[in-house]
Protein backbone atom coordinates (compact mmCIF):
# COMPACT_ATOMS: atom_id res chain seq x y z
CA MET A 1 -114.23 -15.99 -131.87
CA ILE A 2 -110.78 -14.67 -131.03
CA GLY A 3 -112.30 -11.51 -129.58
CA ALA A 4 -114.55 -13.55 -127.27
CA ALA A 5 -111.57 -15.62 -126.07
CA ILE A 6 -109.58 -12.45 -125.37
CA ALA A 7 -112.53 -11.01 -123.46
CA ARG A 8 -112.82 -14.15 -121.34
CA VAL A 9 -109.09 -14.09 -120.52
CA ARG A 10 -109.29 -10.39 -119.67
CA ARG A 11 -112.30 -11.02 -117.40
CA VAL A 12 -110.48 -13.86 -115.59
CA VAL A 13 -107.40 -11.66 -115.06
CA VAL A 14 -109.51 -8.77 -113.75
CA GLU A 15 -111.49 -11.06 -111.43
CA THR A 16 -108.33 -12.71 -110.16
CA TRP A 17 -106.69 -9.39 -109.44
CA ALA A 18 -109.84 -8.11 -107.76
CA GLY A 19 -110.07 -11.26 -105.64
CA LEU A 20 -106.46 -10.99 -104.54
CA SER A 21 -106.81 -7.29 -103.75
CA THR A 22 -109.93 -7.92 -101.69
CA ALA A 23 -108.21 -10.81 -99.90
CA VAL A 24 -105.23 -8.61 -98.99
CA ARG A 25 -107.55 -5.89 -97.69
CA GLY A 26 -109.46 -8.46 -95.67
CA ILE A 27 -106.27 -9.78 -94.07
CA ALA A 28 -105.03 -6.25 -93.36
CA ALA A 29 -108.33 -5.33 -91.73
CA ASN A 30 -108.11 -8.34 -89.41
CA ARG A 31 -104.40 -8.50 -88.73
CA MET A 32 -104.62 -10.11 -85.29
CA ARG A 33 -107.01 -12.80 -86.51
CA ALA A 34 -104.78 -13.50 -89.51
CA LEU A 35 -101.74 -13.71 -87.24
CA LEU A 36 -103.45 -16.19 -84.94
CA SER A 37 -104.49 -18.22 -87.99
CA THR A 38 -100.89 -18.54 -89.06
CA VAL A 39 -99.55 -19.82 -85.73
CA GLY A 40 -100.53 -23.47 -86.27
CA ILE A 41 -99.26 -23.42 -89.86
CA ALA A 42 -96.00 -21.78 -88.78
CA ILE A 43 -95.42 -24.41 -86.07
CA GLY A 44 -96.14 -27.26 -88.48
CA VAL A 45 -93.87 -25.90 -91.21
CA ALA A 46 -91.08 -25.14 -88.71
CA THR A 47 -91.32 -28.72 -87.43
CA LEU A 48 -91.14 -30.15 -90.93
CA MET A 49 -88.24 -27.87 -91.89
CA THR A 50 -86.24 -28.82 -88.79
CA ILE A 51 -86.87 -32.54 -89.35
CA TYR A 52 -85.91 -32.22 -93.01
CA ALA A 53 -82.71 -30.35 -92.13
CA LEU A 54 -81.75 -32.95 -89.51
CA VAL A 55 -82.35 -35.91 -91.81
CA THR A 56 -80.52 -34.21 -94.69
CA GLY A 57 -77.57 -33.35 -92.45
CA LEU A 58 -77.45 -36.83 -90.95
CA THR A 59 -77.58 -38.42 -94.39
CA SER A 60 -74.86 -36.09 -95.69
CA SER A 61 -72.59 -36.82 -92.72
CA PHE A 62 -73.12 -40.55 -93.08
CA THR A 63 -72.52 -40.43 -96.84
CA ASN A 64 -69.28 -38.48 -96.35
CA GLN A 65 -68.03 -40.95 -93.80
CA ILE A 66 -68.96 -43.94 -95.93
CA ALA A 67 -67.38 -42.34 -99.01
CA ALA A 68 -64.08 -42.22 -97.12
CA LEU A 69 -64.14 -46.03 -97.06
CA GLY A 70 -64.00 -46.32 -100.84
CA SER A 71 -66.72 -47.76 -103.06
CA ASP A 72 -64.57 -50.70 -104.22
CA THR A 73 -63.10 -51.44 -100.81
CA MET A 74 -64.29 -54.17 -98.44
CA TYR A 75 -63.39 -54.42 -94.77
CA VAL A 76 -62.96 -57.88 -93.30
CA THR A 77 -63.60 -57.97 -89.55
CA SER A 78 -64.24 -60.61 -86.92
CA ARG A 79 -67.74 -59.20 -86.31
CA PRO A 80 -70.04 -57.18 -88.60
CA TRP A 81 -70.07 -53.43 -88.13
CA VAL A 82 -73.83 -53.55 -87.62
CA ILE A 83 -75.01 -56.55 -85.61
CA ARG A 84 -78.60 -57.48 -86.39
CA GLY A 85 -79.41 -60.59 -84.44
CA ASP A 86 -77.90 -62.56 -81.59
CA TRP A 87 -74.67 -61.02 -80.25
CA TRP A 88 -73.61 -64.41 -78.82
CA GLU A 89 -73.28 -65.74 -82.34
CA TYR A 90 -70.36 -63.36 -82.91
CA ARG A 91 -68.68 -62.95 -79.53
CA ASN A 92 -66.46 -66.06 -79.73
CA ARG A 93 -65.19 -65.48 -83.24
CA PRO A 94 -61.38 -65.49 -83.52
CA PRO A 95 -59.77 -62.12 -84.28
CA ILE A 96 -58.44 -61.22 -87.70
CA SER A 97 -54.77 -62.19 -87.88
CA HIS A 98 -51.75 -61.49 -90.05
CA ASP A 99 -52.15 -65.02 -91.41
CA ASP A 100 -55.54 -63.98 -92.81
CA VAL A 101 -53.89 -60.97 -94.46
CA GLU A 102 -51.23 -63.11 -96.04
CA ALA A 103 -53.78 -65.68 -97.21
CA LEU A 104 -55.71 -62.98 -99.07
CA ARG A 105 -52.55 -61.56 -100.61
CA GLN A 106 -51.54 -64.96 -101.92
CA GLY A 107 -54.90 -66.50 -102.80
CA ALA A 108 -57.19 -63.67 -103.97
CA PRO A 109 -56.01 -62.36 -107.36
CA LEU A 110 -59.12 -60.18 -107.75
CA LEU A 111 -57.91 -57.99 -104.88
CA THR A 112 -55.65 -55.19 -106.05
CA ALA A 113 -54.52 -54.22 -102.53
CA VAL A 114 -54.78 -55.81 -99.09
CA ALA A 115 -53.87 -53.92 -95.89
CA PRO A 116 -54.34 -54.70 -92.20
CA VAL A 117 -55.74 -51.82 -90.16
CA ALA A 118 -55.58 -51.51 -86.36
CA SER A 119 -56.59 -48.45 -84.35
CA ALA A 120 -55.90 -46.86 -80.97
CA ALA A 121 -56.03 -43.42 -79.39
CA ALA A 122 -52.96 -41.56 -78.16
CA GLU A 123 -51.72 -38.18 -77.02
CA VAL A 124 -49.50 -36.55 -79.63
CA THR A 125 -46.86 -34.07 -78.49
CA TYR A 126 -44.51 -31.69 -80.24
CA ARG A 127 -42.44 -29.42 -78.02
CA ASN A 128 -44.98 -27.69 -75.76
CA THR A 129 -48.07 -28.56 -77.82
CA ARG A 130 -50.17 -31.55 -76.78
CA LEU A 131 -53.07 -33.05 -78.70
CA GLY A 132 -55.29 -35.53 -76.90
CA ALA A 133 -57.24 -38.47 -78.34
CA VAL A 134 -55.57 -38.53 -81.76
CA ARG A 135 -56.63 -41.61 -83.73
CA VAL A 136 -53.57 -43.75 -84.41
CA GLN A 137 -53.80 -46.32 -87.20
CA GLY A 138 -51.35 -49.12 -87.80
CA THR A 139 -51.24 -50.36 -91.37
CA THR A 140 -49.01 -51.07 -94.38
CA SER A 141 -48.02 -49.33 -97.61
CA ASP A 142 -51.04 -50.85 -99.42
CA TYR A 143 -53.51 -48.91 -97.28
CA ILE A 144 -53.30 -45.81 -99.46
CA ASP A 145 -54.58 -47.93 -102.38
CA THR A 146 -57.58 -49.21 -100.38
CA SER A 147 -58.78 -45.84 -99.03
CA THR A 148 -59.55 -42.37 -100.34
CA ILE A 149 -56.75 -40.59 -98.45
CA LYS A 150 -54.35 -38.46 -100.48
CA LEU A 151 -51.00 -36.91 -99.64
CA ALA A 152 -50.56 -33.15 -99.44
CA THR A 153 -46.81 -33.28 -98.85
CA GLY A 154 -44.19 -35.94 -98.28
CA ARG A 155 -44.79 -39.62 -98.87
CA PHE A 156 -46.71 -42.58 -97.48
CA LEU A 157 -45.33 -45.68 -95.75
CA SER A 158 -43.04 -47.78 -97.93
CA ALA A 159 -43.20 -51.57 -98.30
CA VAL A 160 -39.95 -51.91 -96.33
CA GLU A 161 -41.24 -49.72 -93.50
CA SER A 162 -44.39 -51.84 -93.32
CA VAL A 163 -42.36 -54.82 -92.08
CA SER A 164 -39.22 -53.28 -90.54
CA ALA A 165 -41.13 -51.36 -87.83
CA PRO A 166 -39.35 -47.98 -87.99
CA HIS A 167 -40.73 -45.02 -86.04
CA VAL A 168 -42.16 -43.01 -88.94
CA VAL A 169 -45.58 -41.43 -89.11
CA VAL A 170 -47.97 -39.87 -91.64
CA ILE A 171 -50.25 -37.29 -90.00
CA GLY A 172 -53.63 -35.83 -90.90
CA SER A 173 -54.05 -32.20 -91.87
CA SER A 174 -55.65 -31.25 -88.53
CA VAL A 175 -52.73 -32.66 -86.57
CA ALA A 176 -50.26 -30.89 -88.87
CA GLU A 177 -52.02 -27.53 -88.57
CA ARG A 178 -52.13 -27.63 -84.77
CA LEU A 179 -48.61 -28.96 -84.21
CA PHE A 180 -46.87 -27.00 -86.97
CA PRO A 181 -48.70 -23.69 -87.51
CA ARG A 182 -45.57 -21.82 -88.65
CA GLU A 183 -43.04 -24.47 -89.69
CA PRO A 184 -42.94 -27.48 -92.05
CA ALA A 185 -43.98 -30.79 -90.56
CA LEU A 186 -41.79 -33.05 -92.70
CA GLY A 187 -38.78 -34.34 -90.82
CA ALA A 188 -40.01 -33.17 -87.42
CA ARG A 189 -39.94 -35.53 -84.44
CA ILE A 190 -43.25 -35.90 -82.62
CA ALA A 191 -44.24 -38.13 -79.71
CA LEU A 192 -47.09 -40.63 -79.81
CA GLY A 193 -47.40 -41.35 -76.14
CA PRO A 194 -43.82 -42.04 -74.91
CA GLN A 195 -42.49 -42.99 -78.38
CA GLN A 196 -40.77 -40.59 -80.79
CA PHE A 197 -41.69 -40.66 -84.50
CA THR A 198 -40.41 -38.86 -87.59
CA VAL A 199 -43.05 -37.21 -89.78
CA ILE A 200 -42.68 -38.40 -93.38
CA GLY A 201 -46.01 -37.21 -94.85
CA VAL A 202 -49.07 -35.02 -94.37
CA LEU A 203 -52.50 -35.97 -95.71
CA LYS A 204 -54.93 -33.72 -97.55
CA PRO A 205 -58.02 -32.60 -95.57
CA GLN A 206 -60.89 -35.09 -95.53
CA GLY A 207 -63.44 -33.06 -93.58
CA LYS A 208 -65.83 -34.23 -90.88
CA ALA A 209 -68.28 -37.06 -90.39
CA PHE A 210 -70.87 -37.07 -87.58
CA GLY A 211 -69.21 -33.99 -86.14
CA GLN A 212 -65.84 -35.76 -85.81
CA SER A 213 -62.77 -34.74 -87.75
CA LEU A 214 -61.39 -37.31 -90.18
CA ASP A 215 -58.09 -35.41 -90.14
CA ASN A 216 -57.25 -35.97 -86.46
CA LEU A 217 -55.16 -38.95 -87.53
CA ALA A 218 -51.69 -40.46 -87.34
CA ILE A 219 -50.69 -43.49 -89.45
CA ILE A 220 -47.74 -45.70 -88.45
CA PRO A 221 -46.41 -49.10 -89.66
CA ILE A 222 -48.45 -52.06 -88.45
CA GLN A 223 -45.42 -53.77 -86.89
CA THR A 224 -44.56 -50.64 -84.93
CA PHE A 225 -48.19 -50.38 -83.85
CA GLY A 226 -48.12 -53.96 -82.58
CA ARG A 227 -44.98 -53.38 -80.49
CA ILE A 228 -46.47 -50.28 -78.82
CA TYR A 229 -50.15 -51.15 -78.45
CA GLY A 230 -50.04 -54.93 -78.50
CA ALA A 231 -49.86 -57.42 -81.37
CA ARG A 232 -53.10 -59.15 -80.29
CA ARG A 233 -55.23 -56.04 -80.66
CA ASP A 234 -58.25 -56.64 -82.88
CA MET A 235 -57.80 -55.39 -86.42
CA ALA A 236 -59.53 -55.30 -89.79
CA ILE A 237 -58.41 -56.01 -93.34
CA ALA A 238 -58.99 -53.36 -96.00
CA ALA A 239 -59.26 -55.10 -99.37
CA ALA A 240 -59.63 -53.20 -102.66
CA ALA A 241 -61.34 -55.11 -105.47
CA ALA A 242 -60.38 -54.92 -109.11
CA PRO A 243 -62.62 -52.54 -111.11
CA ASP A 244 -66.05 -54.04 -111.87
CA HIS A 245 -65.26 -57.19 -109.89
CA LEU A 246 -66.51 -56.24 -106.42
CA TYR A 247 -68.90 -59.16 -105.93
CA GLU A 248 -66.54 -61.72 -107.46
CA ALA A 249 -63.78 -60.45 -105.18
CA GLU A 250 -66.08 -60.78 -102.18
CA ASP A 251 -66.77 -64.41 -103.07
CA GLN A 252 -63.04 -64.95 -103.41
CA ILE A 253 -62.43 -63.49 -99.93
CA VAL A 254 -64.97 -65.90 -98.44
CA GLU A 255 -63.40 -68.87 -100.24
CA VAL A 256 -59.83 -68.00 -99.26
CA LEU A 257 -60.54 -67.24 -95.61
CA ARG A 258 -62.73 -70.31 -95.10
CA ARG A 259 -59.93 -72.44 -96.49
CA ALA A 260 -57.26 -70.62 -94.44
CA ARG A 261 -59.29 -71.02 -91.25
CA GLY A 262 -60.10 -74.66 -91.93
CA LEU A 263 -63.89 -74.25 -91.90
CA GLY A 264 -65.96 -77.23 -92.96
CA PRO A 265 -68.91 -77.09 -95.39
CA GLU A 266 -71.46 -76.97 -92.55
CA THR A 267 -69.57 -74.42 -90.45
CA LYS A 268 -70.65 -70.80 -90.54
CA ASP A 269 -68.21 -68.04 -91.46
CA THR A 270 -66.08 -66.81 -88.55
CA PHE A 271 -65.54 -63.41 -90.16
CA SER A 272 -67.63 -60.66 -91.71
CA ILE A 273 -67.25 -58.62 -94.90
CA ASN A 274 -68.46 -55.03 -94.71
CA ARG A 275 -69.15 -52.97 -97.82
CA GLN A 276 -70.08 -49.33 -98.31
CA SER A 277 -73.32 -50.16 -100.13
CA GLU A 278 -74.47 -52.52 -97.38
CA LEU A 279 -73.96 -49.87 -94.72
CA VAL A 280 -75.92 -47.35 -96.77
CA LYS A 281 -78.74 -49.86 -97.18
CA ILE A 282 -78.87 -50.58 -93.44
CA PHE A 283 -78.75 -46.84 -92.68
CA ASN A 284 -81.68 -46.15 -94.98
CA GLN A 285 -83.70 -48.98 -93.45
CA GLU A 286 -83.04 -47.84 -89.89
CA THR A 287 -83.82 -44.17 -90.55
CA ALA A 288 -86.84 -44.64 -92.83
CA ALA A 289 -89.25 -45.49 -90.00
CA LEU A 290 -87.93 -42.72 -87.76
CA PHE A 291 -88.17 -40.20 -90.59
CA GLY A 292 -91.72 -41.33 -91.37
CA VAL A 293 -92.85 -40.88 -87.77
CA ALA A 294 -91.26 -37.43 -87.57
CA ILE A 295 -92.88 -36.33 -90.83
CA ALA A 296 -96.24 -37.65 -89.60
CA ILE A 297 -95.92 -35.48 -86.48
CA GLY A 298 -95.22 -32.42 -88.61
CA LEU A 299 -98.16 -33.19 -90.93
CA ILE A 300 -100.51 -33.62 -87.97
CA THR A 301 -99.42 -30.21 -86.73
CA LEU A 302 -100.14 -28.78 -90.17
CA LEU A 303 -103.53 -30.51 -90.16
CA VAL A 304 -104.42 -28.87 -86.86
CA GLY A 305 -103.26 -25.52 -88.23
CA GLY A 306 -105.32 -26.02 -91.39
CA ILE A 307 -108.43 -26.79 -89.35
CA GLY A 308 -107.82 -23.60 -87.40
CA VAL A 309 -107.61 -21.61 -90.63
CA MET A 310 -110.82 -23.19 -91.90
CA ASN A 311 -112.63 -22.34 -88.67
CA ILE A 312 -111.54 -18.71 -88.79
CA MET A 313 -112.48 -18.44 -92.48
CA LEU A 314 -115.98 -19.73 -91.64
CA VAL A 315 -116.24 -16.99 -89.01
CA THR A 316 -115.06 -14.48 -91.62
CA VAL A 317 -117.75 -15.64 -94.08
CA THR A 318 -120.42 -15.17 -91.39
CA GLU A 319 -119.18 -11.69 -90.51
CA ARG A 320 -119.08 -10.60 -94.16
CA THR A 321 -122.37 -12.10 -95.24
CA ARG A 322 -123.99 -8.70 -95.87
CA GLU A 323 -120.90 -7.56 -97.85
CA ILE A 324 -121.17 -10.69 -100.00
CA GLY A 325 -124.87 -9.97 -100.59
CA VAL A 326 -124.12 -6.42 -101.73
CA ARG A 327 -121.40 -7.58 -104.10
CA ARG A 328 -123.64 -10.30 -105.55
CA ALA A 329 -126.45 -7.76 -106.00
CA LEU A 330 -124.05 -5.50 -107.91
CA GLY A 331 -123.19 -8.33 -110.31
CA ALA A 332 -120.29 -10.19 -108.71
CA ARG A 333 -120.10 -13.78 -109.91
CA ARG A 334 -119.96 -16.77 -107.59
CA ARG A 335 -116.59 -17.59 -109.10
CA THR A 336 -115.27 -14.18 -108.03
CA ILE A 337 -116.45 -14.66 -104.43
CA LEU A 338 -115.00 -18.18 -104.41
CA MET A 339 -111.65 -16.96 -105.72
CA GLN A 340 -111.51 -14.13 -103.17
CA PHE A 341 -111.92 -16.39 -100.15
CA LEU A 342 -109.62 -19.07 -101.55
CA ALA A 343 -106.95 -16.40 -102.15
CA GLU A 344 -107.41 -15.05 -98.61
CA SER A 345 -107.07 -18.53 -97.11
CA ALA A 346 -104.00 -19.32 -99.25
CA LEU A 347 -102.34 -16.01 -98.38
CA VAL A 348 -102.88 -16.58 -94.65
CA THR A 349 -101.29 -20.04 -94.79
CA MET A 350 -98.44 -18.84 -97.02
CA VAL A 351 -97.62 -16.14 -94.47
CA GLY A 352 -97.62 -18.88 -91.85
CA GLY A 353 -95.44 -21.01 -94.10
CA GLY A 354 -93.00 -18.13 -94.51
CA LEU A 355 -92.80 -17.61 -90.74
CA GLY A 356 -92.40 -21.37 -90.17
CA THR A 357 -89.66 -21.57 -92.79
CA GLY A 358 -87.82 -18.73 -91.07
CA LEU A 359 -88.10 -20.50 -87.72
CA GLY A 360 -86.91 -23.73 -89.35
CA VAL A 361 -83.86 -21.97 -90.82
CA VAL A 362 -82.97 -20.52 -87.41
CA ALA A 363 -83.48 -23.88 -85.67
CA SER A 364 -81.37 -25.66 -88.32
CA ALA A 365 -78.55 -23.12 -87.94
CA VAL A 366 -78.55 -23.56 -84.13
CA ILE A 367 -78.56 -27.36 -84.42
CA ASP A 368 -75.77 -27.26 -87.01
CA ARG A 369 -73.65 -25.16 -84.64
CA ILE A 370 -74.16 -27.05 -81.37
CA SER A 371 -74.80 -30.61 -82.55
CA PRO A 372 -72.18 -33.13 -83.73
CA VAL A 373 -74.61 -34.03 -86.51
CA GLY A 374 -75.02 -31.24 -89.05
CA ALA A 375 -78.30 -29.84 -90.35
CA GLU A 376 -78.71 -28.81 -93.98
CA LEU A 377 -81.62 -26.90 -95.50
CA ALA A 378 -81.74 -26.49 -99.29
CA PRO A 379 -83.30 -23.37 -100.87
CA SER A 380 -85.67 -25.61 -102.84
CA ALA A 381 -87.02 -26.99 -99.53
CA MET A 382 -87.74 -23.45 -98.30
CA VAL A 383 -89.63 -22.55 -101.47
CA GLY A 384 -91.45 -25.87 -101.37
CA ALA A 385 -92.54 -25.25 -97.77
CA VAL A 386 -94.16 -21.93 -98.66
CA VAL A 387 -95.85 -23.40 -101.75
CA PHE A 388 -97.08 -26.39 -99.74
CA SER A 389 -98.50 -24.01 -97.13
CA GLY A 390 -100.45 -22.28 -99.90
CA VAL A 391 -101.84 -25.66 -101.01
CA VAL A 392 -102.92 -26.37 -97.43
CA GLY A 393 -104.71 -23.02 -97.42
CA LEU A 394 -106.52 -23.85 -100.67
CA LEU A 395 -107.60 -27.26 -99.35
CA PHE A 396 -108.89 -26.05 -96.00
CA GLY A 397 -110.32 -22.85 -97.45
CA THR A 398 -112.44 -24.64 -100.05
CA TRP A 399 -115.45 -25.26 -97.81
CA PRO A 400 -115.63 -21.68 -96.43
CA ALA A 401 -115.12 -20.28 -99.94
CA MET A 402 -117.86 -22.48 -101.43
CA ARG A 403 -120.16 -21.52 -98.58
CA ALA A 404 -119.53 -17.83 -99.29
CA ALA A 405 -120.02 -18.25 -103.04
CA ASN A 406 -123.31 -20.13 -102.61
CA LEU A 407 -124.96 -17.60 -100.28
CA ASP A 408 -128.30 -16.33 -101.51
CA PRO A 409 -127.93 -12.60 -102.37
CA ILE A 410 -131.37 -11.61 -101.03
CA GLU A 411 -130.96 -13.50 -97.74
CA SER A 412 -127.42 -12.08 -97.40
CA LEU A 413 -128.73 -8.49 -97.73
CA ARG A 414 -131.22 -9.18 -94.93
CA PHE A 415 -128.47 -10.59 -92.64
CA GLU A 416 -127.74 -8.51 -89.53
């Protein structure tokens, strides 16, 4: 019993090895045909790899940017960050004011920190070095508790500086590296536009999001910001919720602001609350359809390539009909013939998958270098692409392989 099982296993191994060897010899004997067979597969796999890399890079960039907002932080704005509906419903909303900030500080105990945030762009100068389009944020000392920023050196804005409007600034790591390549930044006097500021802190690097540096930043007191860029400039409120009380804190924000703004029971909110999780949900909804269409295009290309492989394998079966008849007459099993042609078909498509994966890696590297949105390709995706190509070969090679295995030996020997 055991001996018979061992014999069967040995026979399967020998037949498999013989089938693979014959398949390799068949591909080598028809190199040009095999190369042409792989073109459609290579194009389809390269398309899928590029799409995968783009979606992965876009998702990674978006996740990094959203992570910088803080998972327990909500941003109160006059209009939602993503408007889905009638714009006219939001255009006449009153801007967020310092009264709203104070109302939340006094009436929302579930908020651990509340900070106004206003933004502008300015040229930053130190001696002969000029940096254009630096993002300037006006805020208070509580902002560091509502965001994920961390100090590398120095300190952040103090509570007194938040209201006394001194000319002090905390700069991002990119600004510090470019303005002070060989000297310490702390205590230096830099110019934001025409105004001079003293550097009191430097932030740790935060990286990039959507190709834009998060470290090209300068933070100044909100009162100072208002005097320079205008006190009526639209701003947001960053509000950090107590741990495990995010949704209760959101309800509290709605209650406090509706009361502070004198809104009646039938009046809609005149403000919006933006959360990290909501943005991720909207992002996934908006990209799902686009990703599906792109994947469908890649799969259609693979389908065309698979049909091409099947057609060429049928031609190969016809050309080798007499060879199949000789092998069957010498005792070759149908299973052996079937395995040989399936292996040949799978090898052809796997070669195409390997070429397509290489093209996808090159395309992803080029996109990652020249595009503001990165492209990421995981090693598991590369291996999966080659394996999937082999599966495509097995599927589309089944009919030609079965046709070869079912040929009548006598009729095959008569074939000219």
